[in-house]
């Protein structure tokens, strides 16, 4: 059985969709994890502990080329807001 071909390259800015929310991300590496080739995806503005590994060949529905704005225009989700770590922190600042 042949290895799936990578659709994305190291250093490429992509959109990662988790639980229906698009995030601005970057493929920071393509590596082997548990015997499978995976993209290591970093979320802009988030700590590296939130990086995810997505198997090459299983990226459909999770990774998209382009910007979040292009993704939203194409998928009809322009009303969805992109959450960044900075947004979350500002929401917590009202709590004591």
C-alpha atoms as a PDB file:
ATOM      1  CA  UNK A   1       0.000   0.000   0.000  1.00  0.00           C
ATOM      2  CA  UNK A   2       1.466   3.384  -0.953  1.00  0.00           C
ATOM      3  CA  UNK A   3       1.792   6.408   1.336  1.00  0.00           C
ATOM      4  CA  UNK A   4      -0.744   9.231   0.789  1.00  0.00           C
ATOM      5  CA  UNK A   5       0.616  12.343  -0.915  1.00  0.00           C
ATOM      6  CA  UNK A   6       0.946  15.518   1.156  1.00  0.00           C
ATOM      7  CA  UNK A   7      -1.470  18.266   0.084  1.00  0.00           C
ATOM      8  CA  UNK A   8       0.232  20.847   2.290  1.00  0.00           C
ATOM      9  CA  UNK A   9       3.874  21.744   2.814  1.00  0.00           C
ATOM     10  CA  UNK A  10       5.969  22.709   5.807  1.00  0.00           C
ATOM     11  CA  UNK A  11       5.642  26.441   6.510  1.00  0.00           C
ATOM     12  CA  UNK A  12       2.311  26.775   4.681  1.00  0.00           C
ATOM     13  CA  UNK A  13      -0.401  28.906   6.280  1.00  0.00           C
ATOM     14  CA  UNK A  14      -3.666  26.954   6.360  1.00  0.00           C
ATOM     15  CA  UNK A  15      -7.096  26.962   7.985  1.00  0.00           C
ATOM     16  CA  UNK A  16      -7.755  24.223  10.531  1.00  0.00           C
ATOM     17  CA  UNK A  17     -11.394  23.527  11.396  1.00  0.00           C
ATOM     18  CA  UNK A  18     -12.105  22.045  14.832  1.00  0.00           C
ATOM     19  CA  UNK A  19     -15.649  21.497  16.071  1.00  0.00           C
ATOM     20  CA  UNK A  20     -16.937  23.690  13.245  1.00  0.00           C
ATOM     21  CA  UNK A  21     -14.717  26.688  14.063  1.00  0.00           C
ATOM     22  CA  UNK A  22     -12.000  27.777  11.595  1.00  0.00           C
ATOM     23  CA  UNK A  23      -8.621  28.791  13.015  1.00  0.00           C
ATOM     24  CA  UNK A  24      -5.633  30.480  11.385  1.00  0.00           C
ATOM     25  CA  UNK A  25      -2.832  27.919  11.543  1.00  0.00           C
ATOM     26  CA  UNK A  26       0.478  26.930  10.019  1.00  0.00           C
ATOM     27  CA  UNK A  27       1.962  23.555   9.102  1.00  0.00           C
ATOM     28  CA  UNK A  28       5.176  23.679  11.116  1.00  0.00           C
ATOM     29  CA  UNK A  29       6.387  20.175  10.290  1.00  0.00           C
ATOM     30  CA  UNK A  30       5.540  16.950   8.524  1.00  0.00           C
ATOM     31  CA  UNK A  31       6.771  13.994  10.537  1.00  0.00           C
ATOM     32  CA  UNK A  32       6.180  10.359  11.466  1.00  0.00           C
ATOM     33  CA  UNK A  33       3.913   9.732  14.466  1.00  0.00           C
ATOM     34  CA  UNK A  34       3.057   6.176  15.474  1.00  0.00           C
ATOM     35  CA  UNK A  35       4.084   4.900  12.043  1.00  0.00           C
ATOM     36  CA  UNK A  36       2.004   7.391  10.052  1.00  0.00           C
ATOM     37  CA  UNK A  37       3.053  10.584   8.305  1.00  0.00           C
ATOM     38  CA  UNK A  38       1.396  13.585  10.019  1.00  0.00           C
ATOM     39  CA  UNK A  39       1.168  17.331   9.657  1.00  0.00           C
ATOM     40  CA  UNK A  40       2.094  19.181  12.841  1.00  0.00           C
ATOM     41  CA  UNK A  41      -0.238  22.197  12.902  1.00  0.00           C
ATOM     42  CA  UNK A  42       0.309  25.287  15.081  1.00  0.00           C
ATOM     43  CA  UNK A  43      -2.552  27.657  15.973  1.00  0.00           C
ATOM     44  CA  UNK A  44      -1.559  31.313  15.590  1.00  0.00           C
ATOM     45  CA  UNK A  45      -1.476  33.097  18.960  1.00  0.00           C
ATOM     46  CA  UNK A  46      -1.686  29.849  20.949  1.00  0.00           C
ATOM     47  CA  UNK A  47       0.974  28.049  22.977  1.00  0.00           C
ATOM     48  CA  UNK A  48       2.698  25.145  21.217  1.00  0.00           C
ATOM     49  CA  UNK A  49       1.087  22.704  23.668  1.00  0.00           C
ATOM     50  CA  UNK A  50      -2.100  23.146  21.599  1.00  0.00           C
ATOM     51  CA  UNK A  51      -0.395  22.042  18.363  1.00  0.00           C
ATOM     52  CA  UNK A  52      -2.136  19.095  16.721  1.00  0.00           C
ATOM     53  CA  UNK A  53      -1.012  16.207  14.543  1.00  0.00           C
ATOM     54  CA  UNK A  54      -3.242  15.441  11.564  1.00  0.00           C
ATOM     55  CA  UNK A  55      -2.538  12.343   9.490  1.00  0.00           C
ATOM     56  CA  UNK A  56      -1.586  12.915   5.871  1.00  0.00           C
ATOM     57  CA  UNK A  57      -4.505  11.535   3.884  1.00  0.00           C
ATOM     58  CA  UNK A  58      -7.016  12.353   6.647  1.00  0.00           C
ATOM     59  CA  UNK A  59      -6.878  16.132   6.314  1.00  0.00           C
ATOM     60  CA  UNK A  60     -10.098  16.508   4.297  1.00  0.00           C
ATOM     61  CA  UNK A  61     -12.628  18.407   6.400  1.00  0.00           C
ATOM     62  CA  UNK A  62      -9.933  19.597   8.816  1.00  0.00           C
ATOM     63  CA  UNK A  63      -7.318  21.515   6.800  1.00  0.00           C
ATOM     64  CA  UNK A  64      -7.963  23.998   4.000  1.00  0.00           C
ATOM     65  CA  UNK A  65      -5.696  26.137   1.842  1.00  0.00           C
ATOM     66  CA  UNK A  66      -6.136  29.903   2.087  1.00  0.00           C
ATOM     67  CA  UNK A  67      -7.222  32.291   4.808  1.00  0.00           C
ATOM     68  CA  UNK A  68     -10.008  32.061   7.371  1.00  0.00           C
ATOM     69  CA  UNK A  69     -11.871  34.772   5.446  1.00  0.00           C
ATOM     70  CA  UNK A  70     -11.622  32.764   2.197  1.00  0.00           C
ATOM     71  CA  UNK A  71     -12.785  29.630   4.025  1.00  0.00           C
ATOM     72  CA  UNK A  72     -15.786  31.459   5.521  1.00  0.00           C
ATOM     73  CA  UNK A  73     -16.748  32.980   2.158  1.00  0.00           C
ATOM     74  CA  UNK A  74     -16.523  29.577   0.456  1.00  0.00           C
ATOM     75  CA  UNK A  75     -18.317  27.629   3.196  1.00  0.00           C
ATOM     76  CA  UNK A  76     -20.922  30.304   3.977  1.00  0.00           C
ATOM     77  CA  UNK A  77     -19.833  30.740   7.586  1.00  0.00           C
ATOM     78  CA  UNK A  78     -18.958  34.427   7.453  1.00  0.00           C
ATOM     79  CA  UNK A  79     -20.866  35.085  10.670  1.00  0.00           C
ATOM     80  CA  UNK A  80     -18.646  32.752  12.713  1.00  0.00           C
ATOM     81  CA  UNK A  81     -16.005  34.473  14.774  1.00  0.00           C
ATOM     82  CA  UNK A  82     -12.458  33.173  14.903  1.00  0.00           C
ATOM     83  CA  UNK A  83     -11.346  32.641  18.491  1.00  0.00           C
ATOM     84  CA  UNK A  84      -7.748  33.319  19.421  1.00  0.00           C
ATOM     85  CA  UNK A  85      -6.039  32.817  22.753  1.00  0.00           C
ATOM     86  CA  UNK A  86      -5.795  36.597  23.165  1.00  0.00           C
ATOM     87  CA  UNK A  87      -9.608  36.903  22.816  1.00  0.00           C
ATOM     88  CA  UNK A  88     -10.102  34.298  25.531  1.00  0.00           C
ATOM     89  CA  UNK A  89      -7.744  36.077  27.907  1.00  0.00           C
ATOM     90  CA  UNK A  90      -9.516  39.405  27.462  1.00  0.00           C
ATOM     91  CA  UNK A  91     -12.853  37.737  28.342  1.00  0.00           C
ATOM     92  CA  UNK A  92     -11.395  36.438  31.626  1.00  0.00           C
ATOM     93  CA  UNK A  93     -10.027  39.822  32.669  1.00  0.00           C
ATOM     94  CA  UNK A  94     -13.414  40.886  34.114  1.00  0.00           C
ATOM     95  CA  UNK A  95     -13.316  38.045  36.648  1.00  0.00           C
ATOM     96  CA  UNK A  96     -11.718  38.512  40.060  1.00  0.00           C
END
